[in-house]
Amino acid sequence: MKVTFKTNNRHGYSVKFSPYFETRFACCTSQNFGIAGQGTLYVCDVNPAGVQPLHVYDWKDALFDVTWAENNEHVLIAAAGDGALLLYDTNNPKGPLRVYQEHSKEVNSVDWSQTRGENLIVSGSWDTTLKLWSVESPRSLTTLAGHESIVYCVVWSPRLPGILASASGDKTLRVWDRRLGKAQCVIPAHQTEVLTCDWSKYDQNYLFTGSVDCSIRGWDIRNPSRPTCELTGHRFAVRRIKTSPFDGNRLASCSYDFTVRTWDIQQPHAMEIIEHHTEFVYGLDFNLHLPGQLADCGWDSLIHVHRPKSL
């Protein structure tokens, strides 16, 4: 079954399922394709009647990414085009409870650590830096520098405490140890910009990248001299990839070619090609509670929640 929700002339950038509620997701959107205007954060529930907005939060600038708290089912953080991180509580319908303003340019990506008791957030920005945050502090705890271009994606390891990865326009994938404050591994992952990365949920040493070169590559951080796999088929840039929380060999991707694709990493070509958007597809996520369920969003103002046949 597929359910669809159309935003109010907002273009979708990121969608994330709640780690607490199987029917809840959040979606970051922007006016005018993120170039100018406001952003809107939708918090929605999926029910038999379709998608029901629980809260709709407007912000003065574009919103590009969102992450749910790992220690509070009501809290989430959005990344904004004015360099801000915005903390929301779904018990408060009026807007962000806190604004963390430190990046000098757009914040592309934000992720909340899954390590028990850590409660750290990482953000990645057009200003080429990553910043680590605690919601208790108004200022960042650490700035991680080293990328030579835009940081498009940041993601904490789900299995290694204090370890995170970033993908950048400088064509590299970097793995960082927050305790050292620097990258412990720099991988020249593609010949073009790297727009996305994600960790395997099953093997702590494996990462995947997606690039402007239309390919997805797998990497073993113990021996990153060559990719462990290469998945091809997208006709334009791969904007986001997500590894399955239920199957170590499965991942999904979305692209500027208007498609969502599912993959078996042991096979070079897509298992399934899903064509239900008419514009760039930016956001993608797996439901952590319902095996095989995906949500995606795009510049056509549509959010789809569905279960591909291949998953």
Protein backbone atom coordinates (compact mmCIF):
# COMPACT_ATOMS: atom_id res chain seq x y z
CA MET A 1 0.00 0.00 0.00
CA LYS A 2 1.22 3.50 -0.85
CA VAL A 3 -0.01 6.71 0.74
CA THR A 4 0.84 10.16 -0.59
CA PHE A 5 0.83 13.63 0.92
CA LYS A 6 1.17 16.85 -1.05
CA THR A 7 2.78 19.80 0.70
CA ASN A 8 1.56 23.36 0.27
CA ASN A 9 3.85 24.48 -2.58
CA ARG A 10 6.91 23.34 -0.65
CA HIS A 11 9.73 21.33 -2.20
CA GLY A 12 10.87 18.30 -0.22
CA TYR A 13 14.47 17.94 0.92
CA SER A 14 14.57 15.34 3.70
CA VAL A 15 12.25 12.83 5.33
CA LYS A 16 12.92 10.85 8.52
CA PHE A 17 10.87 8.24 10.34
CA SER A 18 10.56 8.48 14.11
CA PRO A 19 12.67 5.96 16.03
CA TYR A 20 9.81 5.73 18.56
CA PHE A 21 6.52 5.67 16.63
CA GLU A 22 6.08 3.38 13.63
CA THR A 23 3.51 5.67 12.01
CA ARG A 24 5.31 9.01 12.42
CA PHE A 25 7.73 10.86 10.17
CA ALA A 26 9.09 14.37 9.70
CA CYS A 27 9.79 16.13 6.41
CA CYS A 28 11.85 19.28 5.75
CA THR A 29 10.74 21.43 2.82
CA SER A 30 11.49 24.78 1.24
CA GLN A 31 9.91 27.39 -0.97
CA ASN A 32 11.32 28.10 -4.43
CA PHE A 33 13.54 25.00 -4.54
CA GLY A 34 15.53 26.24 -1.54
CA ILE A 35 16.88 29.30 -3.37
CA ALA A 36 14.77 31.90 -1.54
CA GLY A 37 11.81 32.08 0.81
CA GLN A 38 10.67 30.13 3.85
CA GLY A 39 11.08 26.56 4.97
CA THR A 40 8.45 24.31 6.52
CA LEU A 41 8.84 21.29 8.78
CA TYR A 42 5.98 18.78 8.63
CA VAL A 43 5.48 16.23 11.40
CA CYS A 44 2.98 13.66 10.17
CA ASP A 45 1.29 10.42 11.14
CA VAL A 46 0.31 7.67 8.71
CA ASN A 47 -3.10 6.11 9.35
CA PRO A 48 -5.63 4.08 7.33
CA ALA A 49 -7.07 7.31 5.93
CA GLY A 50 -3.68 8.50 4.62
CA VAL A 51 -1.13 10.99 5.92
CA GLN A 52 -2.30 13.33 8.68
CA PRO A 53 -0.15 16.40 9.57
CA LEU A 54 0.35 16.59 13.33
CA HIS A 55 2.32 19.86 13.28
CA VAL A 56 3.41 22.28 10.56
CA TYR A 57 6.26 24.59 11.55
CA ASP A 58 7.35 27.49 9.35
CA TRP A 59 10.82 29.03 9.44
CA LYS A 60 12.17 32.19 7.82
CA ASP A 61 14.67 30.31 5.63
CA ALA A 62 14.88 27.02 3.74
CA LEU A 63 15.01 23.74 5.70
CA PHE A 64 17.30 21.04 4.32
CA ASP A 65 17.48 18.16 6.80
CA VAL A 66 15.93 16.80 9.99
CA THR A 67 16.87 14.29 12.69
CA TRP A 68 14.92 12.83 15.60
CA ALA A 69 16.26 12.78 19.15
CA GLU A 70 17.40 9.43 20.48
CA ASN A 71 16.45 10.28 24.07
CA ASN A 72 13.06 11.96 23.71
CA GLU A 73 10.25 10.86 21.39
CA HIS A 74 8.96 14.42 21.00
CA VAL A 75 12.18 16.22 20.08
CA LEU A 76 13.70 16.78 16.64
CA ILE A 77 16.23 19.14 15.07
CA ALA A 78 16.07 20.75 11.63
CA ALA A 79 18.92 22.21 9.57
CA ALA A 80 18.32 25.60 7.97
CA GLY A 81 19.58 27.66 5.08
CA ASP A 82 20.51 30.59 7.35
CA GLY A 83 23.12 28.46 9.15
CA ALA A 84 20.85 27.62 12.08
CA LEU A 85 19.90 24.40 13.83
CA LEU A 86 16.34 24.47 15.15
CA LEU A 87 15.16 22.35 18.09
CA TYR A 88 11.46 21.47 18.09
CA ASP A 89 9.28 19.67 20.61
CA THR A 90 6.05 18.23 19.24
CA ASN A 91 4.40 19.09 22.56
CA ASN A 92 4.88 22.73 21.55
CA PRO A 93 2.95 23.70 18.39
CA LYS A 94 4.37 27.21 18.02
CA GLY A 95 7.90 26.79 16.71
CA PRO A 96 11.49 26.03 17.73
CA LEU A 97 12.28 25.98 21.42
CA ARG A 98 15.94 26.77 20.72
CA VAL A 99 17.99 28.09 17.83
CA TYR A 100 21.68 27.22 17.54
CA GLN A 101 23.29 29.80 15.25
CA GLU A 102 26.95 29.22 14.48
CA HIS A 103 27.50 27.95 10.93
CA SER A 104 28.29 30.79 8.51
CA LYS A 105 26.43 29.21 5.58
CA GLU A 106 23.62 26.75 4.84
CA VAL A 107 23.41 23.61 7.00
CA ASN A 108 22.89 20.65 4.66
CA SER A 109 22.83 17.75 7.07
CA VAL A 110 22.19 16.93 10.73
CA ASP A 111 22.26 13.64 12.65
CA TRP A 112 21.69 12.59 16.27
CA SER A 113 24.07 10.01 17.74
CA GLN A 114 22.58 6.59 18.46
CA THR A 115 25.16 5.79 21.15
CA ARG A 116 23.39 5.31 24.47
CA GLY A 117 23.92 8.24 26.81
CA GLU A 118 25.93 10.31 24.31
CA ASN A 119 23.15 12.67 23.11
CA LEU A 120 25.36 14.44 20.60
CA ILE A 121 24.34 16.06 17.33
CA VAL A 122 26.55 16.58 14.29
CA SER A 123 25.88 19.15 11.58
CA GLY A 124 27.51 19.63 8.18
CA SER A 125 27.50 22.87 6.21
CA TRP A 126 28.32 24.75 3.04
CA ASP A 127 31.00 26.46 5.16
CA THR A 128 33.02 23.18 4.81
CA THR A 129 32.90 22.34 8.54
CA LEU A 130 31.23 19.81 10.78
CA LYS A 131 30.14 20.87 14.25
CA LEU A 132 29.29 18.74 17.28
CA TRP A 133 26.55 19.91 19.62
CA SER A 134 24.81 19.11 22.87
CA VAL A 135 21.26 20.43 23.17
CA GLU A 136 22.19 21.68 26.63
CA SER A 137 24.80 24.11 25.29
CA PRO A 138 24.11 27.21 23.16
CA ARG A 139 27.50 26.87 21.47
CA SER A 140 29.00 23.96 19.57
CA LEU A 141 31.31 21.63 21.49
CA THR A 142 33.75 21.07 18.64
CA THR A 143 34.34 22.15 15.07
CA LEU A 144 35.78 19.52 12.72
CA ALA A 145 37.67 21.03 9.80
CA GLY A 146 39.42 19.41 6.87
CA HIS A 147 36.99 19.24 3.99
CA GLU A 148 37.88 21.55 1.13
CA SER A 149 34.33 22.02 -0.13
CA ILE A 150 30.67 21.79 0.88
CA VAL A 151 29.76 19.11 3.44
CA TYR A 152 26.65 17.49 1.98
CA CYS A 153 26.04 14.67 4.43
CA VAL A 154 27.00 13.72 8.00
CA VAL A 155 26.03 10.51 9.77
CA TRP A 156 27.01 8.89 13.06
CA SER A 157 28.08 5.27 13.10
CA PRO A 158 25.25 3.15 14.55
CA ARG A 159 27.76 0.68 16.01
CA LEU A 160 31.00 2.55 16.85
CA PRO A 161 30.72 5.12 19.68
CA GLY A 162 32.11 8.54 18.80
CA ILE A 163 32.66 7.73 15.12
CA LEU A 164 30.98 9.60 12.28
CA ALA A 165 31.28 9.97 8.51
CA SER A 166 30.90 12.87 6.10
CA ALA A 167 30.50 13.25 2.34
CA SER A 168 31.68 16.35 0.53
CA GLY A 169 31.95 18.26 -2.69
CA ASP A 170 35.72 17.76 -2.43
CA LYS A 171 35.06 14.20 -3.71
CA THR A 172 35.98 12.54 -0.42
CA LEU A 173 34.37 10.40 2.23
CA ARG A 174 35.86 11.07 5.65
CA VAL A 175 35.58 9.07 8.86
CA TRP A 176 36.06 11.06 12.06
CA ASP A 177 36.74 10.16 15.69
CA ARG A 178 35.19 12.92 17.80
CA ARG A 179 37.62 12.19 20.63
CA LEU A 180 40.60 12.94 18.36
CA GLY A 181 38.96 15.91 16.70
CA LYS A 182 40.17 14.96 13.24
CA ALA A 183 39.53 12.60 10.36
CA GLN A 184 41.08 9.19 10.90
CA CYS A 185 40.34 8.09 7.35
CA VAL A 186 40.10 10.12 4.10
CA ILE A 187 38.79 8.19 1.11
CA PRO A 188 38.87 9.69 -2.42
CA ALA A 189 35.55 7.99 -3.03
CA HIS A 190 34.54 9.33 -6.47
CA GLN A 191 35.86 11.50 -9.29
CA THR A 192 32.98 13.94 -8.74
CA GLU A 193 31.17 15.43 -5.74
CA VAL A 194 30.01 12.96 -3.07
CA LEU A 195 26.48 13.94 -2.07
CA THR A 196 25.54 11.23 0.42
CA CYS A 197 26.83 8.45 2.64
CA ASP A 198 25.44 5.89 5.06
CA TRP A 199 26.80 3.20 7.36
CA SER A 200 25.88 -0.45 7.17
CA LYS A 201 23.58 -1.30 10.06
CA TYR A 202 25.12 -4.78 10.27
CA ASP A 203 28.89 -4.36 9.79
CA GLN A 204 30.67 -1.59 11.66
CA ASN A 205 33.40 -1.34 9.01
CA TYR A 206 31.20 -0.75 5.96
CA LEU A 207 30.06 2.54 4.46
CA PHE A 208 28.34 3.47 1.21
CA THR A 209 28.58 6.64 -0.87
CA GLY A 210 26.50 8.19 -3.66
CA SER A 211 27.83 10.72 -6.12
CA VAL A 212 27.22 13.14 -8.96
CA ASP A 213 28.80 10.45 -11.17
CA CYS A 214 25.49 8.50 -10.77
CA SER A 215 27.10 5.58 -8.93
CA ILE A 216 26.91 4.07 -5.44
CA ARG A 217 30.06 2.56 -3.95
CA GLY A 218 30.73 0.43 -0.90
CA TRP A 219 33.80 0.92 1.30
CA ASP A 220 35.58 -1.09 3.99
CA ILE A 221 37.27 1.48 6.24
CA ARG A 222 39.92 -1.10 7.19
CA ASN A 223 41.10 -1.23 3.55
CA PRO A 224 39.69 1.73 1.62
CA SER A 225 42.05 1.57 -1.35
CA ARG A 226 39.25 0.32 -3.62
CA PRO A 227 35.47 0.00 -3.33
CA THR A 228 33.96 -3.28 -2.20
CA CYS A 229 31.10 -2.84 -4.69
CA GLU A 230 29.79 -0.43 -7.30
CA LEU A 231 26.11 -0.07 -8.12
CA THR A 232 25.20 1.68 -11.36
CA GLY A 233 22.01 2.57 -13.18
CA HIS A 234 20.94 6.01 -12.02
CA ARG A 235 20.98 8.45 -14.93
CA PHE A 236 21.72 11.55 -12.84
CA ALA A 237 23.31 12.35 -9.49
CA VAL A 238 22.55 10.09 -6.51
CA ARG A 239 21.21 12.48 -3.90
CA ARG A 240 20.64 10.15 -0.94
CA ILE A 241 21.24 6.53 0.03
CA LYS A 242 19.93 4.59 3.01
CA THR A 243 20.95 1.15 4.18
CA SER A 244 18.28 -1.24 5.34
CA PRO A 245 17.83 -1.75 9.10
CA PHE A 246 16.50 -5.26 8.41
CA ASP A 247 18.85 -6.73 5.76
CA GLY A 248 22.59 -6.12 5.56
CA ASN A 249 22.62 -6.61 1.79
CA ARG A 250 19.85 -4.12 0.97
CA LEU A 251 19.93 -0.38 0.42
CA ALA A 252 17.78 2.24 -1.27
CA SER A 253 18.71 5.37 -3.20
CA CYS A 254 17.04 8.42 -4.71
CA SER A 255 18.26 10.62 -7.49
CA TYR A 256 17.90 13.68 -9.65
CA ASP A 257 16.66 11.26 -12.32
CA PHE A 258 13.26 11.33 -10.49
CA THR A 259 13.57 7.70 -9.32
CA VAL A 260 13.91 5.71 -6.11
CA ARG A 261 15.82 2.44 -6.51
CA THR A 262 16.38 -0.58 -4.31
CA TRP A 263 19.55 -2.63 -4.44
CA ASP A 264 21.16 -5.89 -3.38
CA ILE A 265 24.80 -4.91 -2.83
CA GLN A 266 25.90 -8.27 -4.24
CA GLN A 267 24.34 -7.37 -7.60
CA PRO A 268 25.47 -4.48 -9.85
CA HIS A 269 22.02 -3.40 -11.02
CA ALA A 270 18.91 -2.18 -9.21
CA MET A 271 16.38 -4.71 -7.96
CA GLU A 272 13.52 -2.26 -8.47
CA ILE A 273 13.08 1.17 -10.06
CA ILE A 274 10.25 3.25 -8.59
CA GLU A 275 9.02 6.16 -10.69
CA HIS A 276 6.41 8.08 -8.75
CA HIS A 277 7.99 11.54 -8.71
CA THR A 278 8.09 14.11 -11.51
CA GLU A 279 11.01 16.12 -10.12
CA PHE A 280 14.30 15.61 -8.28
CA VAL A 281 13.97 13.16 -5.38
CA TYR A 282 15.89 14.48 -2.37
CA GLY A 283 14.67 12.70 0.77
CA LEU A 284 14.59 9.01 1.62
CA ASP A 285 14.34 6.90 4.76
CA PHE A 286 13.58 3.39 6.00
CA ASN A 287 11.01 2.81 8.72
CA LEU A 288 12.83 1.26 11.69
CA HIS A 289 9.67 -0.56 12.84
CA LEU A 290 8.00 -1.87 9.67
CA PRO A 291 10.31 -4.00 7.50
CA GLY A 292 10.62 -2.76 3.94
CA GLN A 293 8.66 0.47 4.34
CA LEU A 294 10.18 3.59 2.77
CA ALA A 295 9.32 7.27 2.74
CA ASP A 296 10.60 9.63 0.05
CA CYS A 297 10.09 13.27 -0.90
CA GLY A 298 10.96 15.46 -3.84
CA TRP A 299 10.77 18.80 -5.55
CA ASP A 300 7.32 17.92 -6.92
CA SER A 301 5.93 18.63 -3.41
CA LEU A 302 4.99 14.97 -2.90
CA ILE A 303 5.81 12.70 0.03
CA HIS A 304 5.22 8.98 -0.57
CA VAL A 305 5.15 6.26 2.10
CA HIS A 306 5.29 2.83 0.48
CA ARG A 307 6.71 -0.69 0.59
CA PRO A 308 8.64 -1.68 -2.56
CA LYS A 309 8.08 -5.23 -3.77
CA SER A 310 11.81 -5.97 -3.65
CA LEU A 311 12.02 -5.20 0.08
